[in-house]
């Protein structure tokens, strides 16, 4: 009998252990379901699109809109904002995201409360597919005190007093750009202006920010434009793919992205080390962005070469991409309205005449050019928005919002509210005339964000865009190739999907 009893007891023990092992994941799953149900109830009073699934939230419909219908997420947010009458919630799996656009809410989030950046989002910019990209740079630094110290030192590199001394560098890059455009100005060759703007803005940030000659205009095989595009595309895809670690069929693409990032960071490190060597040897060097980055390293022992490279990448990529996209969208709108084009050309003739060099004083006189560029930023902000975390329970958009809710401020929504903009979908530079601009607040027009964490390089971008657009239209007549749309392509930044393809002749 003893062997039988022992066998019976063993079977019982095995059954108990098996049930225990099975019940553990089952219990965990049920607990997760209850938790998710509780979270859904917490936000049930806030309107928003119906969830596609209890677990996936709105992800399936968002993926369909982006991947099949080729729409941008900011377009979807705008549609939902209008549909649900303002603030609304959408779900990324188990995470609720509050979307805002009204200037009153924008002011609370970005200025009054200065809410912290959402770590879940910005960490995907810090590291892409596990590869360090922007790291702990000025854009992605989540510790506000650390960011404040860094920003205070870097501000000097973007002061108008410093930038006015860079007019020669701006003009030199502009001349190379116009030389390139001139070689294509036969009235027949179809030129993708978005690509041409990307090259010249990359050369500009290289010269004025780091005193390096990237030469992406002169070198057709320059690896920099494609590396930046690949990296940004990877960031966007990684941001929308939380399960990228398990998608083995995308591993080859992920490696391509990581290779592009490694190339950019290695280049950045070489630029930093070369400048540092020059300083040690007592050679003269400019007081540019790189000089201020090195100064931070000198004053802070914990600001390592990796940290310096983080800031190099931030300025090198962001300084090129946003201005390039601004110029692309603005040119597209100008070429769709001959009256705007004529006003710009007349102003450029009045200010520059036959001069081919833009002085610092000329920039202030190119008022209509500036108005047109601002309208381009209003209707086509190159960044979709910013995401913050609400760490406390508060009222936003007329709703009581639970603590720790991610809050997305969407610039395109804010820039197109009929309450603040008459005929908001119409491209009208006169909105920014001296007569009208006083009615525009920093929370109704914020292409560079607003509040303490407003974009540090916005003045540089203003100088650069004005000079390039004025000189381009001074020398050339461009015509849009028919059949293009105003559809957007999101690659972390927002760019024209069709590329603003033009034929060009000399004026």
Foldseek 3Di string as FASTA:
>chain_A
DVVVVVVVVVVVVVVVVVVVVVVVVVVVVVVVLVVLVVLCVQCVVFAFDAAPDSFQWVLVVVCCCCVPVVADVLVVVLVGCVVRVAWGWTDRGSAIEIEGFALVQLCVPCAVVNFFFDLLLLVLCCAFPNAGFLNCALVSPRPVVVNVVLLVLLLVQQDPVNVLVCLVLLLVLLVLLVVLVQVQQPLPDKDLQLVSLLQSLLQSCCCQAQNDGQCCSPDVPRPPVVLLLLLLLSSVVCSSCVPVVPPVVCVVSSVVNSVSRVVLLVVLLVSLVVVVVCVVVVHDDDPHSSVSLVVVVVVDVVCDSSNSSSHVSVCSNVSRQQLSQLLLQLVLQCLVDVVLLVVQLVQLCVQQPPNSRDRPVSLVSSVSLLLSSLLSCLQFQQAQFGKGFAQQFDDGPNDTHHHGHIYTHGSNSLSQDCVQDPVSNDRDSCCCPPVRVVSDDCSSRQSQRDHPSGNSNPSVSSVSSSSNVSSDSNWKDKHFDPDADQHWDDSSTIHRPVSRIIHMHTD
